[in-house]
Amino acid sequence: MSQSKTIFSMRRTGGALTFVFVTLLISGFLRLGGDEFAWAQEIAALSVGSDTPVAKQKPVPTACVANGNTAQMLTAIRYRQAQLDIRDSRSVDRLQALKVAELKIKQNTKALVAAEKRLAATLAIADSAAEKDLLRLTTVYENMKPKNAIGLFGEMAPEFAAGFLGRMRPQSAALIMSSLSPEKAYQISLILAGRNARAPVK
């Protein structure tokens, strides 16, 4: 009876040691990972005396691997994002160029307005000077001796003579016109009449 207890105790001790060994072995293979884990499962099944092998498990993926469609989609998204970035950059450049152009236009407009004002002032001065010169020259022709004035107006072009005669006093202009040739006096009269016809009526 004691002998059978001793044998039974030895069997229990051997089974415990076997279980501990298998457990350590499985732990080591779990740390290594991959196919060794499947081997550890088969060894554990054989050690416990199971007739049915443990089903092999697929290795646990360590990283997310995209399939073909997902990779193409990611590539398309990245390409589209790059195109949008380029478009945004171009838009910013265009806005900056428009701002610079607008500033230059404003500066050129101010310079043009200033130039127009200077030109208008210069023309006003020139017109005033010309008007004064014409008045002075008209006064000179009026104070000339009739004989000299008639000879001078006889040599003038009809348009030029009509300009001075229109500024003269009526008595002086009539004296000169009556002394000119009929053809010359007629041409000057037509020019003066045309100017009066174009004058605004009040």
N, C-alpha and C. Protein backbone atom coordinates (compact mmCIF):
# COMPACT_ATOMS: atom_id res chain seq x y z
N MET A 1 0.83 -1.21 0.00
CA MET A 1 0.00 0.00 0.00
C MET A 1 0.86 1.24 0.00
N SER A 2 1.89 1.31 0.80
CA SER A 2 2.80 2.46 0.85
C SER A 2 3.59 2.58 -0.43
N GLN A 3 3.89 1.40 -1.02
CA GLN A 3 4.63 1.44 -2.29
C GLN A 3 3.81 2.07 -3.39
N SER A 4 2.53 1.76 -3.45
CA SER A 4 1.65 2.35 -4.48
C SER A 4 1.50 3.85 -4.25
N LYS A 5 1.46 4.30 -2.97
CA LYS A 5 1.39 5.74 -2.69
C LYS A 5 2.64 6.44 -3.17
N THR A 6 3.77 5.76 -2.94
CA THR A 6 5.04 6.37 -3.38
C THR A 6 5.07 6.54 -4.88
N ILE A 7 4.62 5.53 -5.63
CA ILE A 7 4.59 5.60 -7.11
C ILE A 7 3.64 6.71 -7.57
N PHE A 8 2.51 6.78 -6.93
CA PHE A 8 1.53 7.81 -7.29
C PHE A 8 2.08 9.21 -7.02
N SER A 9 2.83 9.36 -5.91
CA SER A 9 3.44 10.66 -5.57
C SER A 9 4.49 11.04 -6.59
N MET A 10 5.27 10.04 -7.06
CA MET A 10 6.30 10.34 -8.05
C MET A 10 5.68 10.75 -9.37
N ARG A 11 4.57 10.08 -9.72
CA ARG A 11 3.90 10.46 -10.96
C ARG A 11 3.36 11.89 -10.88
N ARG A 12 2.82 12.24 -9.70
CA ARG A 12 2.30 13.60 -9.56
C ARG A 12 3.42 14.62 -9.64
N THR A 13 4.57 14.29 -9.03
CA THR A 13 5.71 15.22 -9.07
C THR A 13 6.22 15.37 -10.49
N GLY A 14 6.33 14.24 -11.21
CA GLY A 14 6.80 14.31 -12.60
C GLY A 14 5.83 15.10 -13.47
N GLY A 15 4.53 14.89 -13.26
CA GLY A 15 3.56 15.66 -14.04
C GLY A 15 3.62 17.15 -13.76
N ALA A 16 3.85 17.51 -12.50
CA ALA A 16 3.95 18.95 -12.16
C ALA A 16 5.17 19.56 -12.80
N LEU A 17 6.30 18.79 -12.76
CA LEU A 17 7.52 19.32 -13.39
C LEU A 17 7.34 19.48 -14.89
N THR A 18 6.65 18.50 -15.46
CA THR A 18 6.40 18.60 -16.91
C THR A 18 5.54 19.80 -17.23
N PHE A 19 4.54 20.06 -16.42
CA PHE A 19 3.65 21.21 -16.63
C PHE A 19 4.40 22.53 -16.50
N VAL A 20 5.28 22.61 -15.49
CA VAL A 20 6.09 23.82 -15.30
C VAL A 20 7.00 24.04 -16.48
N PHE A 21 7.65 22.96 -16.97
CA PHE A 21 8.57 23.05 -18.10
C PHE A 21 7.84 23.53 -19.35
N VAL A 22 6.67 22.95 -19.58
CA VAL A 22 5.90 23.33 -20.78
C VAL A 22 5.44 24.78 -20.68
N THR A 23 5.05 25.16 -19.45
CA THR A 23 4.61 26.56 -19.27
C THR A 23 5.73 27.54 -19.57
N LEU A 24 6.94 27.25 -19.06
CA LEU A 24 8.10 28.11 -19.34
C LEU A 24 8.43 28.14 -20.82
N LEU A 25 8.31 26.97 -21.44
CA LEU A 25 8.60 26.88 -22.87
C LEU A 25 7.62 27.72 -23.69
N ILE A 26 6.36 27.64 -23.32
CA ILE A 26 5.33 28.42 -24.02
C ILE A 26 5.56 29.92 -23.81
N SER A 27 5.94 30.30 -22.58
CA SER A 27 6.20 31.71 -22.30
C SER A 27 7.35 32.24 -23.15
N GLY A 28 8.40 31.42 -23.29
CA GLY A 28 9.53 31.85 -24.12
C GLY A 28 9.15 32.02 -25.57
N PHE A 29 8.35 31.07 -26.06
CA PHE A 29 7.93 31.19 -27.46
C PHE A 29 6.98 32.35 -27.69
N LEU A 30 6.18 32.63 -26.67
CA LEU A 30 5.28 33.80 -26.80
C LEU A 30 6.08 35.08 -26.92
N ARG A 31 7.18 35.15 -26.20
CA ARG A 31 8.02 36.35 -26.27
C ARG A 31 8.68 36.46 -27.64
N LEU A 32 9.07 35.33 -28.20
CA LEU A 32 9.69 35.37 -29.52
C LEU A 32 8.67 35.73 -30.58
N GLY A 33 7.44 35.26 -30.44
CA GLY A 33 6.37 35.59 -31.37
C GLY A 33 6.51 34.82 -32.68
N GLY A 34 5.61 35.10 -33.64
CA GLY A 34 5.68 34.53 -34.97
C GLY A 34 5.31 33.07 -34.99
N ASP A 35 6.04 32.28 -35.80
CA ASP A 35 5.74 30.87 -35.98
C ASP A 35 6.09 30.06 -34.75
N GLU A 36 7.03 30.55 -33.91
CA GLU A 36 7.40 29.81 -32.71
C GLU A 36 6.21 29.66 -31.78
N PHE A 37 5.29 30.65 -31.80
CA PHE A 37 4.10 30.54 -30.96
C PHE A 37 3.26 29.34 -31.37
N ALA A 38 3.14 29.14 -32.66
CA ALA A 38 2.37 27.96 -33.13
C ALA A 38 3.06 26.67 -32.72
N TRP A 39 4.40 26.65 -32.84
CA TRP A 39 5.13 25.44 -32.42
C TRP A 39 4.94 25.19 -30.93
N ALA A 40 4.96 26.25 -30.13
CA ALA A 40 4.77 26.08 -28.68
C ALA A 40 3.40 25.49 -28.38
N GLN A 41 2.39 25.92 -29.14
CA GLN A 41 1.05 25.37 -28.92
C GLN A 41 1.02 23.88 -29.24
N GLU A 42 1.70 23.48 -30.33
CA GLU A 42 1.70 22.05 -30.67
C GLU A 42 2.43 21.24 -29.60
N ILE A 43 3.56 21.78 -29.11
CA ILE A 43 4.33 21.07 -28.08
C ILE A 43 3.50 20.93 -26.82
N ALA A 44 2.77 22.03 -26.46
CA ALA A 44 1.93 21.98 -25.25
C ALA A 44 0.84 20.94 -25.42
N ALA A 45 0.28 20.84 -26.62
CA ALA A 45 -0.78 19.84 -26.84
C ALA A 45 -0.23 18.43 -26.73
N LEU A 46 0.97 18.22 -27.29
CA LEU A 46 1.56 16.89 -27.20
C LEU A 46 1.94 16.55 -25.76
N SER A 47 2.39 17.59 -25.00
CA SER A 47 2.85 17.33 -23.64
C SER A 47 1.70 16.93 -22.73
N VAL A 48 0.51 17.52 -22.95
CA VAL A 48 -0.61 17.19 -22.08
C VAL A 48 -1.32 15.93 -22.54
N GLY A 49 -0.80 15.36 -23.64
CA GLY A 49 -1.35 14.08 -24.09
C GLY A 49 -2.59 14.21 -24.92
N SER A 50 -2.83 15.34 -25.55
CA SER A 50 -4.02 15.51 -26.37
C SER A 50 -3.78 14.90 -27.73
N ASP A 51 -4.74 14.21 -28.26
CA ASP A 51 -4.61 13.61 -29.58
C ASP A 51 -4.92 14.60 -30.69
N THR A 52 -5.63 15.67 -30.37
CA THR A 52 -6.02 16.66 -31.38
C THR A 52 -5.06 17.84 -31.31
N PRO A 53 -4.30 18.14 -32.39
CA PRO A 53 -3.36 19.27 -32.36
C PRO A 53 -4.09 20.58 -32.29
N VAL A 54 -3.45 21.50 -31.62
CA VAL A 54 -4.02 22.85 -31.50
C VAL A 54 -3.91 23.55 -32.85
N ALA A 55 -5.00 24.21 -33.26
CA ALA A 55 -5.02 24.88 -34.56
C ALA A 55 -3.97 25.99 -34.59
N LYS A 56 -3.30 26.03 -35.71
CA LYS A 56 -2.28 27.08 -35.87
C LYS A 56 -2.95 28.44 -35.99
N GLN A 57 -2.36 29.40 -35.33
CA GLN A 57 -2.87 30.77 -35.40
C GLN A 57 -1.98 31.59 -36.33
N LYS A 58 -2.62 32.53 -37.03
CA LYS A 58 -1.86 33.40 -37.92
C LYS A 58 -1.04 34.38 -37.10
N PRO A 59 0.14 34.72 -37.57
CA PRO A 59 0.97 35.69 -36.84
C PRO A 59 0.23 37.01 -36.69
N VAL A 60 0.39 37.60 -35.53
CA VAL A 60 -0.24 38.89 -35.28
C VAL A 60 0.56 39.95 -36.02
N PRO A 61 -0.06 40.71 -36.91
CA PRO A 61 0.69 41.73 -37.65
C PRO A 61 1.18 42.82 -36.71
N THR A 62 2.44 43.20 -36.92
CA THR A 62 3.04 44.23 -36.07
C THR A 62 2.75 45.64 -36.59
N ALA A 63 2.31 45.76 -37.84
CA ALA A 63 2.01 47.08 -38.40
C ALA A 63 0.84 46.94 -39.36
N CYS A 64 0.14 48.04 -39.55
CA CYS A 64 -1.00 48.06 -40.46
C CYS A 64 -0.50 48.21 -41.88
N VAL A 65 -0.74 47.19 -42.71
CA VAL A 65 -0.29 47.20 -44.09
C VAL A 65 -1.50 47.45 -44.98
N ALA A 66 -1.45 48.50 -45.80
CA ALA A 66 -2.58 48.85 -46.65
C ALA A 66 -2.61 47.96 -47.87
N ASN A 67 -3.80 47.60 -48.30
CA ASN A 67 -3.92 46.82 -49.51
C ASN A 67 -3.82 47.74 -50.73
N GLY A 68 -3.99 47.15 -51.92
CA GLY A 68 -3.78 47.91 -53.15
C GLY A 68 -4.74 49.08 -53.30
N ASN A 69 -6.03 48.86 -53.09
CA ASN A 69 -7.01 49.93 -53.24
C ASN A 69 -6.77 51.06 -52.26
N THR A 70 -6.48 50.69 -51.00
CA THR A 70 -6.23 51.73 -50.00
C THR A 70 -4.99 52.54 -50.34
N ALA A 71 -3.95 51.87 -50.84
CA ALA A 71 -2.72 52.57 -51.21
C ALA A 71 -2.99 53.54 -52.35
N GLN A 72 -3.77 53.11 -53.35
CA GLN A 72 -4.10 54.01 -54.45
C GLN A 72 -4.91 55.20 -53.97
N MET A 73 -5.84 54.94 -53.06
CA MET A 73 -6.65 56.03 -52.52
C MET A 73 -5.79 57.03 -51.76
N LEU A 74 -4.86 56.51 -50.95
CA LEU A 74 -3.97 57.41 -50.20
C LEU A 74 -3.10 58.21 -51.16
N THR A 75 -2.62 57.57 -52.22
CA THR A 75 -1.81 58.28 -53.21
C THR A 75 -2.61 59.39 -53.89
N ALA A 76 -3.86 59.07 -54.24
CA ALA A 76 -4.72 60.08 -54.87
C ALA A 76 -5.00 61.24 -53.93
N ILE A 77 -5.23 60.92 -52.66
CA ILE A 77 -5.49 61.98 -51.68
C ILE A 77 -4.27 62.87 -51.51
N ARG A 78 -3.10 62.24 -51.42
CA ARG A 78 -1.87 63.04 -51.27
C ARG A 78 -1.63 63.91 -52.50
N TYR A 79 -1.89 63.36 -53.68
CA TYR A 79 -1.71 64.13 -54.92
C TYR A 79 -2.68 65.31 -54.96
N ARG A 80 -3.93 65.05 -54.58
CA ARG A 80 -4.93 66.12 -54.58
C ARG A 80 -4.56 67.21 -53.57
N GLN A 81 -4.06 66.78 -52.42
CA GLN A 81 -3.64 67.75 -51.40
C GLN A 81 -2.48 68.59 -51.92
N ALA A 82 -1.55 67.96 -52.63
CA ALA A 82 -0.42 68.70 -53.19
C ALA A 82 -0.91 69.71 -54.23
N GLN A 83 -1.88 69.30 -55.07
CA GLN A 83 -2.43 70.22 -56.05
C GLN A 83 -3.13 71.41 -55.38
N LEU A 84 -3.87 71.13 -54.32
CA LEU A 84 -4.54 72.21 -53.60
C LEU A 84 -3.53 73.16 -52.95
N ASP A 85 -2.43 72.60 -52.43
CA ASP A 85 -1.40 73.44 -51.84
C ASP A 85 -0.78 74.35 -52.91
N ILE A 86 -0.53 73.77 -54.10
CA ILE A 86 0.03 74.57 -55.19
C ILE A 86 -0.94 75.67 -55.61
N ARG A 87 -2.24 75.32 -55.69
CA ARG A 87 -3.25 76.29 -56.07
C ARG A 87 -3.34 77.42 -55.04
N ASP A 88 -3.29 77.05 -53.76
CA ASP A 88 -3.34 78.07 -52.71
C ASP A 88 -2.12 78.99 -52.81
N SER A 89 -0.96 78.38 -53.07
CA SER A 89 0.24 79.19 -53.18
C SER A 89 0.15 80.16 -54.36
N ARG A 90 -0.39 79.67 -55.49
CA ARG A 90 -0.55 80.54 -56.65
C ARG A 90 -1.56 81.64 -56.37
N SER A 91 -2.63 81.31 -55.65
CA SER A 91 -3.63 82.32 -55.32
C SER A 91 -3.03 83.41 -54.45
N VAL A 92 -2.22 83.01 -53.49
CA VAL A 92 -1.56 84.00 -52.63
C VAL A 92 -0.63 84.89 -53.45
N ASP A 93 0.12 84.27 -54.38
CA ASP A 93 1.02 85.05 -55.23
C ASP A 93 0.23 86.02 -56.11
N ARG A 94 -0.91 85.57 -56.65
CA ARG A 94 -1.72 86.44 -57.50
C ARG A 94 -2.30 87.60 -56.71
N LEU A 95 -2.77 87.32 -55.50
CA LEU A 95 -3.31 88.40 -54.66
C LEU A 95 -2.22 89.42 -54.35
N GLN A 96 -1.02 88.93 -54.06
CA GLN A 96 0.08 89.84 -53.79
C GLN A 96 0.42 90.68 -55.01
N ALA A 97 0.43 90.02 -56.20
CA ALA A 97 0.70 90.75 -57.43
C ALA A 97 -0.38 91.79 -57.71
N LEU A 98 -1.64 91.43 -57.45
CA LEU A 98 -2.74 92.38 -57.66
C LEU A 98 -2.61 93.58 -56.72
N LYS A 99 -2.22 93.32 -55.47
CA LYS A 99 -2.04 94.42 -54.53
C LYS A 99 -0.92 95.35 -55.00
N VAL A 100 0.18 94.77 -55.49
CA VAL A 100 1.29 95.59 -55.98
C VAL A 100 0.85 96.39 -57.20
N ALA A 101 0.11 95.73 -58.13
CA ALA A 101 -0.37 96.42 -59.32
C ALA A 101 -1.34 97.54 -58.96
N GLU A 102 -2.21 97.28 -58.01
CA GLU A 102 -3.17 98.30 -57.57
C GLU A 102 -2.45 99.50 -56.97
N LEU A 103 -1.41 99.22 -56.17
CA LEU A 103 -0.63 100.31 -55.59
C LEU A 103 0.05 101.13 -56.67
N LYS A 104 0.62 100.44 -57.68
CA LYS A 104 1.28 101.16 -58.77
C LYS A 104 0.28 101.99 -59.57
N ILE A 105 -0.93 101.43 -59.79
CA ILE A 105 -1.95 102.17 -60.52
C ILE A 105 -2.34 103.44 -59.77
N LYS A 106 -2.50 103.32 -58.44
CA LYS A 106 -2.83 104.49 -57.64
C LYS A 106 -1.72 105.54 -57.73
N GLN A 107 -0.47 105.07 -57.64
CA GLN A 107 0.64 106.00 -57.73
C GLN A 107 0.69 106.67 -59.10
N ASN A 108 0.49 105.86 -60.17
CA ASN A 108 0.50 106.43 -61.52
C ASN A 108 -0.66 107.39 -61.73
N THR A 109 -1.82 107.07 -61.13
CA THR A 109 -2.97 107.95 -61.27
C THR A 109 -2.71 109.29 -60.59
N LYS A 110 -2.13 109.24 -59.40
CA LYS A 110 -1.79 110.48 -58.71
C LYS A 110 -0.79 111.30 -59.52
N ALA A 111 0.23 110.60 -60.08
CA ALA A 111 1.22 111.31 -60.89
C ALA A 111 0.58 111.90 -62.14
N LEU A 112 -0.36 111.16 -62.76
CA LEU A 112 -1.03 111.66 -63.96
C LEU A 112 -1.89 112.87 -63.64
N VAL A 113 -2.62 112.81 -62.53
CA VAL A 113 -3.45 113.96 -62.13
C VAL A 113 -2.58 115.18 -61.87
N ALA A 114 -1.46 114.95 -61.19
CA ALA A 114 -0.56 116.08 -60.93
C ALA A 114 -0.01 116.64 -62.24
N ALA A 115 0.35 115.75 -63.19
CA ALA A 115 0.86 116.22 -64.48
C ALA A 115 -0.21 116.99 -65.26
N GLU A 116 -1.46 116.50 -65.19
CA GLU A 116 -2.55 117.21 -65.87
C GLU A 116 -2.76 118.60 -65.27
N LYS A 117 -2.66 118.68 -63.96
CA LYS A 117 -2.82 120.00 -63.32
C LYS A 117 -1.71 120.95 -63.76
N ARG A 118 -0.47 120.42 -63.79
CA ARG A 118 0.65 121.26 -64.23
C ARG A 118 0.47 121.68 -65.68
N LEU A 119 0.00 120.73 -66.53
CA LEU A 119 -0.20 121.04 -67.93
C LEU A 119 -1.31 122.08 -68.11
N ALA A 120 -2.39 121.90 -67.33
CA ALA A 120 -3.49 122.88 -67.41
C ALA A 120 -3.02 124.26 -66.98
N ALA A 121 -2.20 124.30 -65.92
CA ALA A 121 -1.68 125.58 -65.47
C ALA A 121 -0.77 126.20 -66.53
N THR A 122 0.04 125.35 -67.17
CA THR A 122 0.94 125.86 -68.21
C THR A 122 0.15 126.38 -69.40
N LEU A 123 -0.89 125.63 -69.80
CA LEU A 123 -1.72 126.07 -70.92
C LEU A 123 -2.46 127.36 -70.58
N ALA A 124 -2.91 127.45 -69.32
CA ALA A 124 -3.59 128.68 -68.92
C ALA A 124 -2.65 129.87 -69.00
N ILE A 125 -1.41 129.64 -68.55
CA ILE A 125 -0.43 130.72 -68.63
C ILE A 125 -0.14 131.08 -70.07
N ALA A 126 0.01 130.00 -70.91
CA ALA A 126 0.30 130.25 -72.32
C ALA A 126 -0.87 130.96 -72.99
N ASP A 127 -2.10 130.52 -72.69
CA ASP A 127 -3.27 131.19 -73.28
C ASP A 127 -3.36 132.63 -72.84
N SER A 128 -3.08 132.85 -71.58
CA SER A 128 -3.13 134.22 -71.07
C SER A 128 -2.07 135.09 -71.74
N ALA A 129 -0.88 134.50 -71.88
CA ALA A 129 0.19 135.26 -72.53
C ALA A 129 -0.15 135.52 -73.99
N ALA A 130 -0.69 134.49 -74.66
CA ALA A 130 -1.04 134.67 -76.07
C ALA A 130 -2.14 135.72 -76.22
N GLU A 131 -3.12 135.66 -75.32
CA GLU A 131 -4.20 136.64 -75.38
C GLU A 131 -3.67 138.05 -75.17
N LYS A 132 -2.75 138.18 -74.23
CA LYS A 132 -2.17 139.50 -73.99
C LYS A 132 -1.38 139.97 -75.20
N ASP A 133 -0.65 139.03 -75.83
CA ASP A 133 0.11 139.39 -77.02
C ASP A 133 -0.81 139.82 -78.16
N LEU A 134 -1.93 139.11 -78.32
CA LEU A 134 -2.87 139.47 -79.38
C LEU A 134 -3.49 140.84 -79.12
N LEU A 135 -3.85 141.09 -77.87
CA LEU A 135 -4.43 142.40 -77.53
C LEU A 135 -3.42 143.52 -77.77
N ARG A 136 -2.19 143.25 -77.39
CA ARG A 136 -1.15 144.27 -77.58
C ARG A 136 -0.93 144.53 -79.06
N LEU A 137 -0.86 143.43 -79.85
CA LEU A 137 -0.63 143.58 -81.28
C LEU A 137 -1.83 144.25 -81.97
N THR A 138 -3.03 143.94 -81.51
CA THR A 138 -4.22 144.60 -82.06
C THR A 138 -4.20 146.10 -81.79
N THR A 139 -3.77 146.44 -80.58
CA THR A 139 -3.67 147.87 -80.24
C THR A 139 -2.64 148.57 -81.13
N VAL A 140 -1.55 147.86 -81.41
CA VAL A 140 -0.53 148.44 -82.30
C VAL A 140 -1.10 148.69 -83.69
N TYR A 141 -1.87 147.71 -84.23
CA TYR A 141 -2.44 147.88 -85.56
C TYR A 141 -3.47 149.00 -85.59
N GLU A 142 -4.20 149.14 -84.50
CA GLU A 142 -5.18 150.23 -84.44
C GLU A 142 -4.52 151.60 -84.43
N ASN A 143 -3.34 151.72 -83.82
CA ASN A 143 -2.66 153.01 -83.69
C ASN A 143 -1.72 153.31 -84.86
N MET A 144 -1.62 152.36 -85.78
CA MET A 144 -0.79 152.60 -86.97
C MET A 144 -1.48 153.59 -87.90
N LYS A 145 -0.71 154.21 -88.76
CA LYS A 145 -1.29 155.06 -89.77
C LYS A 145 -2.15 154.23 -90.70
N PRO A 146 -3.30 154.73 -91.10
CA PRO A 146 -4.20 153.93 -91.93
C PRO A 146 -3.52 153.38 -93.18
N LYS A 147 -2.66 154.15 -93.81
CA LYS A 147 -2.01 153.69 -95.04
C LYS A 147 -1.13 152.48 -94.75
N ASN A 148 -0.36 152.57 -93.66
CA ASN A 148 0.52 151.44 -93.31
C ASN A 148 -0.29 150.22 -92.87
N ALA A 149 -1.35 150.44 -92.11
CA ALA A 149 -2.18 149.32 -91.65
C ALA A 149 -2.88 148.63 -92.82
N ILE A 150 -3.35 149.43 -93.81
CA ILE A 150 -4.03 148.84 -94.97
C ILE A 150 -3.08 147.99 -95.78
N GLY A 151 -1.84 148.50 -95.99
CA GLY A 151 -0.85 147.71 -96.74
C GLY A 151 -0.50 146.41 -96.01
N LEU A 152 -0.43 146.50 -94.69
CA LEU A 152 -0.09 145.31 -93.90
C LEU A 152 -1.20 144.26 -93.96
N PHE A 153 -2.45 144.71 -93.80
CA PHE A 153 -3.57 143.76 -93.82
C PHE A 153 -3.79 143.20 -95.23
N GLY A 154 -3.39 143.97 -96.26
CA GLY A 154 -3.51 143.47 -97.63
C GLY A 154 -2.58 142.29 -97.88
N GLU A 155 -1.48 142.22 -97.15
CA GLU A 155 -0.52 141.13 -97.32
C GLU A 155 -0.82 139.93 -96.41
N MET A 156 -1.65 140.14 -95.40
CA MET A 156 -1.97 139.03 -94.46
C MET A 156 -2.89 137.99 -95.10
N ALA A 157 -2.80 136.79 -94.59
CA ALA A 157 -3.77 135.76 -94.97
C ALA A 157 -5.15 136.15 -94.44
N PRO A 158 -6.23 135.80 -95.17
CA PRO A 158 -7.57 136.23 -94.74
C PRO A 158 -7.91 135.77 -93.32
N GLU A 159 -7.54 134.53 -92.94
CA GLU A 159 -7.85 134.02 -91.60
C GLU A 159 -7.12 134.84 -90.54
N PHE A 160 -5.83 135.17 -90.79
CA PHE A 160 -5.04 135.91 -89.82
C PHE A 160 -5.56 137.34 -89.70
N ALA A 161 -5.88 137.96 -90.84
CA ALA A 161 -6.39 139.33 -90.84
C ALA A 161 -7.75 139.41 -90.15
N ALA A 162 -8.59 138.39 -90.37
CA ALA A 162 -9.91 138.40 -89.75
C ALA A 162 -9.79 138.31 -88.23
N GLY A 163 -8.78 137.59 -87.71
CA GLY A 163 -8.59 137.49 -86.28
C GLY A 163 -8.32 138.84 -85.64
N PHE A 164 -7.47 139.67 -86.29
CA PHE A 164 -7.17 140.99 -85.73
C PHE A 164 -8.32 141.96 -85.94
N LEU A 165 -8.94 141.94 -87.11
CA LEU A 165 -10.05 142.85 -87.38
C LEU A 165 -11.23 142.59 -86.44
N GLY A 166 -11.41 141.35 -86.07
CA GLY A 166 -12.49 141.04 -85.15
C GLY A 166 -12.24 141.58 -83.75
N ARG A 167 -11.01 141.88 -83.41
CA ARG A 167 -10.65 142.41 -82.10
C ARG A 167 -10.60 143.95 -82.10
N MET A 168 -10.51 144.52 -83.25
CA MET A 168 -10.37 145.98 -83.33
C MET A 168 -11.69 146.68 -83.05
N ARG A 169 -11.55 147.98 -82.80
CA ARG A 169 -12.75 148.80 -82.67
C ARG A 169 -13.44 148.86 -84.02
N PRO A 170 -14.76 148.91 -84.03
CA PRO A 170 -15.48 148.90 -85.33
C PRO A 170 -15.03 150.00 -86.30
N GLN A 171 -14.72 151.21 -85.80
CA GLN A 171 -14.31 152.30 -86.69
C GLN A 171 -12.99 151.98 -87.38
N SER A 172 -12.02 151.47 -86.61
CA SER A 172 -10.72 151.14 -87.18
C SER A 172 -10.84 149.98 -88.16
N ALA A 173 -11.62 148.94 -87.79
CA ALA A 173 -11.79 147.80 -88.66
C ALA A 173 -12.49 148.19 -89.96
N ALA A 174 -13.49 149.06 -89.87
CA ALA A 174 -14.22 149.50 -91.08
C ALA A 174 -13.30 150.29 -92.01
N LEU A 175 -12.41 151.13 -91.45
CA LEU A 175 -11.49 151.91 -92.27
C LEU A 175 -10.55 151.00 -93.04
N ILE A 176 -10.04 149.97 -92.40
CA ILE A 176 -9.12 149.06 -93.07
C ILE A 176 -9.87 148.21 -94.10
N MET A 177 -11.06 147.71 -93.76
CA MET A 177 -11.82 146.86 -94.67
C MET A 177 -12.21 147.63 -95.94
N SER A 178 -12.54 148.89 -95.80
CA SER A 178 -12.95 149.67 -96.96
C SER A 178 -11.80 149.97 -97.90
N SER A 179 -10.59 149.86 -97.40
CA SER A 179 -9.41 150.16 -98.22
C SER A 179 -8.82 148.90 -98.85
N LEU A 180 -9.29 147.72 -98.46
CA LEU A 180 -8.78 146.47 -99.03
C LEU A 180 -9.45 146.18 -100.36
N SER A 181 -8.89 145.28 -101.12
CA SER A 181 -9.50 144.88 -102.39
C SER A 181 -10.83 144.19 -102.10
N PRO A 182 -11.80 144.30 -103.02
CA PRO A 182 -13.10 143.67 -102.77
C PRO A 182 -13.00 142.17 -102.51
N GLU A 183 -12.11 141.49 -103.23
CA GLU A 183 -11.95 140.04 -103.03
C GLU A 183 -11.43 139.73 -101.63
N LYS A 184 -10.42 140.49 -101.19
CA LYS A 184 -9.85 140.27 -99.86
C LYS A 184 -10.86 140.62 -98.78
N ALA A 185 -11.57 141.70 -98.94
CA ALA A 185 -12.57 142.11 -97.95
C ALA A 185 -13.70 141.07 -97.87
N TYR A 186 -14.06 140.50 -99.03
CA TYR A 186 -15.13 139.48 -99.04
C TYR A 186 -14.69 138.22 -98.28
N GLN A 187 -13.46 137.78 -98.50
CA GLN A 187 -12.95 136.58 -97.79
C GLN A 187 -12.93 136.81 -96.28
N ILE A 188 -12.48 138.03 -95.87
CA ILE A 188 -12.42 138.32 -94.44
C ILE A 188 -13.83 138.38 -93.86
N SER A 189 -14.78 138.90 -94.61
CA SER A 189 -16.15 138.99 -94.14
C SER A 189 -16.77 137.60 -93.96
N LEU A 190 -16.48 136.68 -94.91
CA LEU A 190 -16.98 135.32 -94.78
C LEU A 190 -16.44 134.64 -93.51
N ILE A 191 -15.17 134.85 -93.24
CA ILE A 191 -14.56 134.23 -92.05
C ILE A 191 -15.18 134.79 -90.78
N LEU A 192 -15.36 136.11 -90.72
CA LEU A 192 -15.95 136.72 -89.54
C LEU A 192 -17.40 136.29 -89.36
N ALA A 193 -18.14 136.18 -90.47
CA ALA A 193 -19.53 135.74 -90.39
C ALA A 193 -19.63 134.30 -89.92
N GLY A 194 -18.72 133.46 -90.39
CA GLY A 194 -18.72 132.06 -89.94
C GLY A 194 -18.42 131.93 -88.46
N ARG A 195 -17.52 132.75 -87.95
CA ARG A 195 -17.21 132.72 -86.51
C ARG A 195 -18.41 133.17 -85.71
N ASN A 196 -19.09 134.21 -86.16
CA ASN A 196 -20.27 134.68 -85.43
C ASN A 196 -21.41 133.69 -85.49
N ALA A 197 -21.50 132.95 -86.59
CA ALA A 197 -22.57 131.95 -86.72
C ALA A 197 -22.35 130.80 -85.74
N ARG A 198 -21.10 130.45 -85.46
CA ARG A 198 -20.80 129.36 -84.52
C ARG A 198 -20.82 129.81 -83.08
N ALA A 199 -20.92 131.13 -82.86
CA ALA A 199 -20.93 131.62 -81.48
C ALA A 199 -22.25 131.25 -80.82
N PRO A 200 -22.24 130.91 -79.51
CA PRO A 200 -23.48 130.55 -78.83
C PRO A 200 -24.41 131.74 -78.70
N VAL A 201 -25.71 131.49 -78.86
CA VAL A 201 -26.72 132.53 -78.75
C VAL A 201 -27.29 132.52 -77.34
N LYS A 202 -27.32 133.65 -76.68
CA LYS A 202 -27.85 133.74 -75.32
C LYS A 202 -29.38 133.72 -75.33
